[in-house]
Amino acid sequence: MTDYIPLTFGLEALYPPMALPSTALRDLYNRLAEPCRFTEFRQLGEGQGARLAEGNNRHLTLTNDRFIYRDEYTQRLFSTFCEDVQQLLASLREILHIPVLLHNKVLVRLLMPHRGQETTVDYFQRTMVGQASQHFNFFKRPISGMGFRLVFPPNQQMRSTFQIRIEPYYRDLKMFFLENSAQFFDPLVDLNGASQYLEEAYNFLKEQAGPFLLSLSSGDE
């Protein structure tokens, strides 16, 4: 069984342009500070939005037409992030009266340990490049890393785009870096529907991108 290490979780959503009164933003902070562990509140300008944060890695930024919630270099479980999102969305609906989320973006970054003896850079060179690696001499500079990017467009069954990055994790070359930058195009009147988008983006990395990466060397065994 493959172990995945959380790195970054994020949700960005667009909504109809609206004013953001200072009193409502302060009420939102007071509501979310304890359950979401926010310790900082800063307004971006009168009626322009606010930033709620815990240090540099966790923050919620609200503007007149979108919010961005990001938890970077996290050590928290994905399920805990989803619980925070539910708290956040319920408060946005109740306090700011956001009627619909027009467009949603989900960001998931995971690390996957490499069990082999080689580094992840060597793994990519062996499984993806093979004999073509000798042609890298053309650049007359050494290569310290490589990876690939896959884009899955929407179709009639799935109204979403997944952009997948799979690379070495350059802070630790015994780790693979997996990212899904997903977009969902169906508006959400029931804000609870965001949970499904989060799950789809997360599970695609765990259940498809990770196993695909490992399958590249299956023929060696």
C-alpha atoms as a PDB file:
ATOM      1  CA  MET A   1       0.000   0.000   0.000  1.00  0.00           C
ATOM      2  CA  THR A   2       1.386   3.381  -1.002  1.00  0.00           C
ATOM      3  CA  ASP A   3       1.665   6.069   1.658  1.00  0.00           C
ATOM      4  CA  TYR A   4       0.955   9.663   0.682  1.00  0.00           C
ATOM      5  CA  ILE A   5       2.185  12.653   2.662  1.00  0.00           C
ATOM      6  CA  PRO A   6       0.027  15.822   2.570  1.00  0.00           C
ATOM      7  CA  LEU A   7       1.808  18.914   1.284  1.00  0.00           C
ATOM      8  CA  THR A   8      -0.754  21.487   0.090  1.00  0.00           C
ATOM      9  CA  PHE A   9      -4.545  21.671  -0.009  1.00  0.00           C
ATOM     10  CA  GLY A  10      -6.454  24.580  -1.499  1.00  0.00           C
ATOM     11  CA  LEU A  11      -9.858  25.736  -2.711  1.00  0.00           C
ATOM     12  CA  GLU A  12     -10.573  28.834  -4.792  1.00  0.00           C
ATOM     13  CA  ALA A  13     -14.102  29.810  -5.802  1.00  0.00           C
ATOM     14  CA  LEU A  14     -15.678  32.651  -7.784  1.00  0.00           C
ATOM     15  CA  TYR A  15     -19.008  34.210  -6.805  1.00  0.00           C
ATOM     16  CA  PRO A  16     -21.074  37.167  -8.068  1.00  0.00           C
ATOM     17  CA  PRO A  17     -19.399  40.530  -7.316  1.00  0.00           C
ATOM     18  CA  MET A  18     -20.529  41.893  -3.982  1.00  0.00           C
ATOM     19  CA  ALA A  19     -19.653  44.461  -1.345  1.00  0.00           C
ATOM     20  CA  LEU A  20     -17.868  43.191   1.754  1.00  0.00           C
ATOM     21  CA  PRO A  21     -18.724  45.408   4.757  1.00  0.00           C
ATOM     22  CA  SER A  22     -16.097  45.595   7.467  1.00  0.00           C
ATOM     23  CA  THR A  23     -18.545  44.472  10.131  1.00  0.00           C
ATOM     24  CA  ALA A  24     -19.429  41.321   8.185  1.00  0.00           C
ATOM     25  CA  LEU A  25     -15.763  40.457   7.646  1.00  0.00           C
ATOM     26  CA  ARG A  26     -15.041  40.908  11.350  1.00  0.00           C
ATOM     27  CA  ASP A  27     -18.043  38.705  12.191  1.00  0.00           C
ATOM     28  CA  LEU A  28     -16.679  36.067   9.801  1.00  0.00           C
ATOM     29  CA  TYR A  29     -13.302  36.114  11.527  1.00  0.00           C
ATOM     30  CA  ASN A  30     -14.897  35.808  14.954  1.00  0.00           C
ATOM     31  CA  ARG A  31     -16.888  32.820  13.717  1.00  0.00           C
ATOM     32  CA  LEU A  32     -13.960  30.994  12.100  1.00  0.00           C
ATOM     33  CA  ALA A  33     -11.064  31.919  14.378  1.00  0.00           C
ATOM     34  CA  GLU A  34     -11.529  29.065  16.832  1.00  0.00           C
ATOM     35  CA  PRO A  35     -12.719  26.155  14.628  1.00  0.00           C
ATOM     36  CA  CYS A  36     -10.309  26.984  11.789  1.00  0.00           C
ATOM     37  CA  ARG A  37      -7.483  28.171  14.087  1.00  0.00           C
ATOM     38  CA  PHE A  38      -7.041  31.585  12.478  1.00  0.00           C
ATOM     39  CA  THR A  39      -4.985  33.981  14.590  1.00  0.00           C
ATOM     40  CA  GLU A  40      -4.618  36.971  12.258  1.00  0.00           C
ATOM     41  CA  PHE A  41      -7.140  39.314  10.608  1.00  0.00           C
ATOM     42  CA  ARG A  42      -6.245  42.028   8.105  1.00  0.00           C
ATOM     43  CA  GLN A  43      -8.551  44.066   5.909  1.00  0.00           C
ATOM     44  CA  LEU A  44      -7.461  44.682   2.319  1.00  0.00           C
ATOM     45  CA  GLY A  45      -9.236  48.045   2.160  1.00  0.00           C
ATOM     46  CA  GLU A  46     -12.685  49.374   2.957  1.00  0.00           C
ATOM     47  CA  GLY A  47     -15.171  47.104   1.198  1.00  0.00           C
ATOM     48  CA  GLN A  48     -12.395  45.266  -0.666  1.00  0.00           C
ATOM     49  CA  GLY A  49     -12.035  42.125   1.417  1.00  0.00           C
ATOM     50  CA  ALA A  50      -9.833  40.630   4.094  1.00  0.00           C
ATOM     51  CA  ARG A  51      -7.181  38.043   4.859  1.00  0.00           C
ATOM     52  CA  LEU A  52      -7.549  35.567   7.706  1.00  0.00           C
ATOM     53  CA  ALA A  53      -4.440  33.572   8.495  1.00  0.00           C
ATOM     54  CA  GLU A  54      -2.457  31.345  10.796  1.00  0.00           C
ATOM     55  CA  GLY A  55       1.181  32.175  10.096  1.00  0.00           C
ATOM     56  CA  ASN A  56       2.408  32.145   6.499  1.00  0.00           C
ATOM     57  CA  ASN A  57       1.167  28.733   5.413  1.00  0.00           C
ATOM     58  CA  ARG A  58      -2.571  28.792   6.169  1.00  0.00           C
ATOM     59  CA  HIS A  59      -4.741  31.631   4.955  1.00  0.00           C
ATOM     60  CA  LEU A  60      -8.172  32.591   3.668  1.00  0.00           C
ATOM     61  CA  THR A  61      -8.260  35.591   1.328  1.00  0.00           C
ATOM     62  CA  LEU A  62     -11.626  37.157   0.473  1.00  0.00           C
ATOM     63  CA  THR A  63     -12.158  39.703  -2.289  1.00  0.00           C
ATOM     64  CA  ASN A  64     -15.269  41.116  -3.937  1.00  0.00           C
ATOM     65  CA  ASP A  65     -15.704  38.184  -6.301  1.00  0.00           C
ATOM     66  CA  ARG A  66     -13.676  35.215  -4.981  1.00  0.00           C
ATOM     67  CA  PHE A  67     -12.106  33.505  -2.014  1.00  0.00           C
ATOM     68  CA  ILE A  68      -8.883  31.517  -1.812  1.00  0.00           C
ATOM     69  CA  TYR A  69      -8.303  29.088   1.035  1.00  0.00           C
ATOM     70  CA  ARG A  70      -4.845  27.550   1.119  1.00  0.00           C
ATOM     71  CA  ASP A  71      -3.007  25.290   3.558  1.00  0.00           C
ATOM     72  CA  GLU A  72       0.615  24.904   2.430  1.00  0.00           C
ATOM     73  CA  TYR A  73       3.367  22.659   3.783  1.00  0.00           C
ATOM     74  CA  THR A  74       0.626  21.152   5.884  1.00  0.00           C
ATOM     75  CA  GLN A  75       0.916  18.267   8.313  1.00  0.00           C
ATOM     76  CA  ARG A  76      -2.836  17.900   8.578  1.00  0.00           C
ATOM     77  CA  LEU A  77      -5.067  15.187   7.174  1.00  0.00           C
ATOM     78  CA  PHE A  78      -7.118  15.774   4.059  1.00  0.00           C
ATOM     79  CA  SER A  79     -10.261  14.925   6.035  1.00  0.00           C
ATOM     80  CA  THR A  80      -9.462  17.748   8.490  1.00  0.00           C
ATOM     81  CA  PHE A  81      -9.024  20.179   5.609  1.00  0.00           C
ATOM     82  CA  CYS A  82     -12.443  19.143   4.266  1.00  0.00           C
ATOM     83  CA  GLU A  83     -13.991  19.761   7.684  1.00  0.00           C
ATOM     84  CA  ASP A  84     -12.509  23.265   7.720  1.00  0.00           C
ATOM     85  CA  VAL A  85     -13.907  23.920   4.252  1.00  0.00           C
ATOM     86  CA  GLN A  86     -17.391  22.941   5.431  1.00  0.00           C
ATOM     87  CA  GLN A  87     -17.113  25.344   8.370  1.00  0.00           C
ATOM     88  CA  LEU A  88     -15.876  28.044   6.030  1.00  0.00           C
ATOM     89  CA  LEU A  89     -18.617  27.618   3.440  1.00  0.00           C
ATOM     90  CA  ALA A  90     -21.388  27.529   6.037  1.00  0.00           C
ATOM     91  CA  SER A  91     -20.132  30.803   7.523  1.00  0.00           C
ATOM     92  CA  LEU A  92     -19.766  32.448   4.111  1.00  0.00           C
ATOM     93  CA  ARG A  93     -23.364  31.583   3.278  1.00  0.00           C
ATOM     94  CA  GLU A  94     -24.726  32.754   6.630  1.00  0.00           C
ATOM     95  CA  ILE A  95     -22.694  35.932   7.138  1.00  0.00           C
ATOM     96  CA  LEU A  96     -21.822  37.170   3.635  1.00  0.00           C
ATOM     97  CA  HIS A  97     -24.893  35.642   1.948  1.00  0.00           C
ATOM     98  CA  ILE A  98     -22.933  34.265  -1.003  1.00  0.00           C
ATOM     99  CA  PRO A  99     -25.683  32.796  -3.219  1.00  0.00           C
ATOM    100  CA  VAL A 100     -23.679  30.563  -5.556  1.00  0.00           C
ATOM    101  CA  LEU A 101     -20.134  29.453  -6.346  1.00  0.00           C
ATOM    102  CA  LEU A 102     -19.739  30.042 -10.069  1.00  0.00           C
ATOM    103  CA  HIS A 103     -16.410  28.342 -10.688  1.00  0.00           C
ATOM    104  CA  ASN A 104     -14.275  26.214  -8.391  1.00  0.00           C
ATOM    105  CA  LYS A 105     -10.584  25.382  -8.386  1.00  0.00           C
ATOM    106  CA  VAL A 106      -9.045  22.715  -6.187  1.00  0.00           C
ATOM    107  CA  LEU A 107      -5.323  22.324  -5.551  1.00  0.00           C
ATOM    108  CA  VAL A 108      -3.923  19.119  -4.059  1.00  0.00           C
ATOM    109  CA  ARG A 109      -0.212  18.406  -3.614  1.00  0.00           C
ATOM    110  CA  LEU A 110       1.019  15.144  -2.149  1.00  0.00           C
ATOM    111  CA  LEU A 111       4.394  13.528  -1.599  1.00  0.00           C
ATOM    112  CA  MET A 112       4.909   9.846  -2.301  1.00  0.00           C
ATOM    113  CA  PRO A 113       8.005   8.060  -0.950  1.00  0.00           C
ATOM    114  CA  HIS A 114      10.192   6.261  -3.472  1.00  0.00           C
ATOM    115  CA  ARG A 115      11.081   2.776  -2.175  1.00  0.00           C
ATOM    116  CA  GLY A 116      13.827   2.054  -4.682  1.00  0.00           C
ATOM    117  CA  GLN A 117      17.568   2.523  -4.235  1.00  0.00           C
ATOM    118  CA  GLU A 118      17.867   5.254  -6.873  1.00  0.00           C
ATOM    119  CA  THR A 119      16.800   8.882  -6.589  1.00  0.00           C
ATOM    120  CA  THR A 120      13.532  10.032  -8.103  1.00  0.00           C
ATOM    121  CA  VAL A 121      15.486  11.927 -10.781  1.00  0.00           C
ATOM    122  CA  ASP A 122      17.221   8.696 -11.767  1.00  0.00           C
ATOM    123  CA  TYR A 123      13.866   6.900 -11.714  1.00  0.00           C
ATOM    124  CA  PHE A 124      12.375   9.358 -14.208  1.00  0.00           C
ATOM    125  CA  GLN A 125      15.428   9.184 -16.426  1.00  0.00           C
ATOM    126  CA  ARG A 126      15.376   5.370 -16.450  1.00  0.00           C
ATOM    127  CA  THR A 127      11.621   4.846 -16.885  1.00  0.00           C
ATOM    128  CA  MET A 128      10.626   7.820 -19.044  1.00  0.00           C
ATOM    129  CA  VAL A 129      13.693   8.741 -21.062  1.00  0.00           C
ATOM    130  CA  GLY A 130      15.737   5.556 -21.369  1.00  0.00           C
ATOM    131  CA  GLN A 131      18.196   5.566 -24.274  1.00  0.00           C
ATOM    132  CA  ALA A 132      17.198   9.088 -25.252  1.00  0.00           C
ATOM    133  CA  SER A 133      19.026  10.416 -22.153  1.00  0.00           C
ATOM    134  CA  GLN A 134      22.300  10.403 -24.073  1.00  0.00           C
ATOM    135  CA  HIS A 135      20.910  13.220 -26.213  1.00  0.00           C
ATOM    136  CA  PHE A 136      20.765  15.523 -23.192  1.00  0.00           C
ATOM    137  CA  ASN A 137      24.417  16.256 -23.898  1.00  0.00           C
ATOM    138  CA  PHE A 138      23.087  18.542 -26.623  1.00  0.00           C
ATOM    139  CA  PHE A 139      22.334  21.172 -23.946  1.00  0.00           C
ATOM    140  CA  LYS A 140      25.933  21.173 -22.662  1.00  0.00           C
ATOM    141  CA  ARG A 141      24.637  21.550 -19.097  1.00  0.00           C
ATOM    142  CA  PRO A 142      23.836  18.895 -16.498  1.00  0.00           C
ATOM    143  CA  ILE A 143      20.203  18.102 -15.674  1.00  0.00           C
ATOM    144  CA  SER A 144      19.217  17.992 -12.019  1.00  0.00           C
ATOM    145  CA  GLY A 145      15.551  17.143 -12.497  1.00  0.00           C
ATOM    146  CA  MET A 146      12.755  16.197 -14.855  1.00  0.00           C
ATOM    147  CA  GLY A 147       9.091  15.282 -14.736  1.00  0.00           C
ATOM    148  CA  PHE A 148       5.922  15.464 -16.747  1.00  0.00           C
ATOM    149  CA  ARG A 149       2.577  17.219 -16.954  1.00  0.00           C
ATOM    150  CA  LEU A 150      -0.720  15.691 -18.035  1.00  0.00           C
ATOM    151  CA  VAL A 151      -3.877  17.658 -18.882  1.00  0.00           C
ATOM    152  CA  PHE A 152      -7.273  15.955 -18.816  1.00  0.00           C
ATOM    153  CA  PRO A 153      -9.934  18.163 -20.438  1.00  0.00           C
ATOM    154  CA  PRO A 154     -13.666  18.124 -19.650  1.00  0.00           C
ATOM    155  CA  ASN A 155     -16.001  15.828 -21.555  1.00  0.00           C
ATOM    156  CA  GLN A 156     -19.694  14.960 -21.551  1.00  0.00           C
ATOM    157  CA  GLN A 157     -19.359  12.788 -18.448  1.00  0.00           C
ATOM    158  CA  MET A 158     -16.986  14.965 -16.408  1.00  0.00           C
ATOM    159  CA  ARG A 159     -17.260  18.749 -16.360  1.00  0.00           C
ATOM    160  CA  SER A 160     -13.805  19.275 -14.966  1.00  0.00           C
ATOM    161  CA  THR A 161     -10.212  19.762 -16.026  1.00  0.00           C
ATOM    162  CA  PHE A 162      -7.367  18.041 -14.181  1.00  0.00           C
ATOM    163  CA  GLN A 163      -3.809  19.271 -14.683  1.00  0.00           C
ATOM    164  CA  ILE A 164      -1.368  16.779 -13.201  1.00  0.00           C
ATOM    165  CA  ARG A 165       2.295  17.431 -12.394  1.00  0.00           C
ATOM    166  CA  ILE A 166       4.544  14.558 -11.415  1.00  0.00           C
ATOM    167  CA  GLU A 167       8.126  15.432 -10.532  1.00  0.00           C
ATOM    168  CA  PRO A 168      10.923  14.702  -8.090  1.00  0.00           C
ATOM    169  CA  TYR A 169      10.515  16.585  -4.824  1.00  0.00           C
ATOM    170  CA  TYR A 170      13.692  18.619  -4.948  1.00  0.00           C
ATOM    171  CA  ARG A 171      13.961  19.073  -1.173  1.00  0.00           C
ATOM    172  CA  ASP A 172      14.199  15.297  -0.820  1.00  0.00           C
ATOM    173  CA  LEU A 173      15.060  13.234  -3.895  1.00  0.00           C
ATOM    174  CA  LYS A 174      13.629  10.098  -2.301  1.00  0.00           C
ATOM    175  CA  MET A 175      10.153  11.639  -2.660  1.00  0.00           C
ATOM    176  CA  PHE A 176       7.881  12.092  -5.653  1.00  0.00           C
ATOM    177  CA  PHE A 177       5.862  15.315  -5.924  1.00  0.00           C
ATOM    178  CA  LEU A 178       2.276  14.881  -7.184  1.00  0.00           C
ATOM    179  CA  GLU A 179      -0.025  17.828  -7.940  1.00  0.00           C
ATOM    180  CA  ASN A 180      -3.570  18.087  -9.232  1.00  0.00           C
ATOM    181  CA  SER A 181      -4.665  21.595 -10.187  1.00  0.00           C
ATOM    182  CA  ALA A 182      -8.332  20.944 -10.913  1.00  0.00           C
ATOM    183  CA  GLN A 183     -11.125  23.164 -12.213  1.00  0.00           C
ATOM    184  CA  PHE A 184     -14.846  22.413 -11.915  1.00  0.00           C
ATOM    185  CA  PHE A 185     -17.186  24.322 -14.186  1.00  0.00           C
ATOM    186  CA  ASP A 186     -20.662  23.529 -12.819  1.00  0.00           C
ATOM    187  CA  PRO A 187     -21.933  26.243 -10.426  1.00  0.00           C
ATOM    188  CA  LEU A 188     -22.794  25.233  -6.866  1.00  0.00           C
ATOM    189  CA  VAL A 189     -25.960  26.586  -5.282  1.00  0.00           C
ATOM    190  CA  ASP A 190     -25.662  23.976  -2.540  1.00  0.00           C
ATOM    191  CA  LEU A 191     -22.222  24.884  -1.222  1.00  0.00           C
ATOM    192  CA  ASN A 192     -21.879  21.468   0.383  1.00  0.00           C
ATOM    193  CA  GLY A 193     -21.247  20.172  -3.135  1.00  0.00           C
ATOM    194  CA  ALA A 194     -17.688  21.517  -2.880  1.00  0.00           C
ATOM    195  CA  SER A 195     -16.830  18.423  -0.829  1.00  0.00           C
ATOM    196  CA  GLN A 196     -17.325  16.244  -3.893  1.00  0.00           C
ATOM    197  CA  TYR A 197     -14.933  18.406  -5.908  1.00  0.00           C
ATOM    198  CA  LEU A 198     -12.293  18.151  -3.196  1.00  0.00           C
ATOM    199  CA  GLU A 199     -12.653  14.377  -3.035  1.00  0.00           C
ATOM    200  CA  GLU A 200     -12.453  13.955  -6.817  1.00  0.00           C
ATOM    201  CA  ALA A 201      -9.235  15.948  -7.093  1.00  0.00           C
ATOM    202  CA  TYR A 202      -7.644  14.191  -4.111  1.00  0.00           C
ATOM    203  CA  ASN A 203      -8.638  10.675  -5.124  1.00  0.00           C
ATOM    204  CA  PHE A 204      -7.368  11.165  -8.675  1.00  0.00           C
ATOM    205  CA  LEU A 205      -3.856  11.653  -7.315  1.00  0.00           C
ATOM    206  CA  LYS A 206      -4.045   8.771  -4.849  1.00  0.00           C
ATOM    207  CA  GLU A 207      -5.870   6.227  -6.969  1.00  0.00           C
ATOM    208  CA  GLN A 208      -4.646   7.034 -10.473  1.00  0.00           C
ATOM    209  CA  ALA A 209      -1.610   9.334 -10.683  1.00  0.00           C
ATOM    210  CA  GLY A 210       0.380   7.555  -7.967  1.00  0.00           C
ATOM    211  CA  PRO A 211      -0.271   4.013  -9.253  1.00  0.00           C
ATOM    212  CA  PHE A 212       0.470   5.181 -12.803  1.00  0.00           C
ATOM    213  CA  LEU A 213       3.858   6.499 -11.685  1.00  0.00           C
ATOM    214  CA  LEU A 214       4.736   3.202 -10.032  1.00  0.00           C
ATOM    215  CA  SER A 215       3.592   1.254 -13.095  1.00  0.00           C
ATOM    216  CA  LEU A 216       6.375   2.819 -15.183  1.00  0.00           C
ATOM    217  CA  SER A 217       8.878   0.393 -13.708  1.00  0.00           C
ATOM    218  CA  SER A 218       6.590  -2.628 -13.420  1.00  0.00           C
ATOM    219  CA  GLY A 219       8.193  -4.199 -16.465  1.00  0.00           C
ATOM    220  CA  ASP A 220      11.569  -4.266 -14.686  1.00  0.00           C
ATOM    221  CA  GLU A 221      10.426  -6.823 -12.137  1.00  0.00           C
END
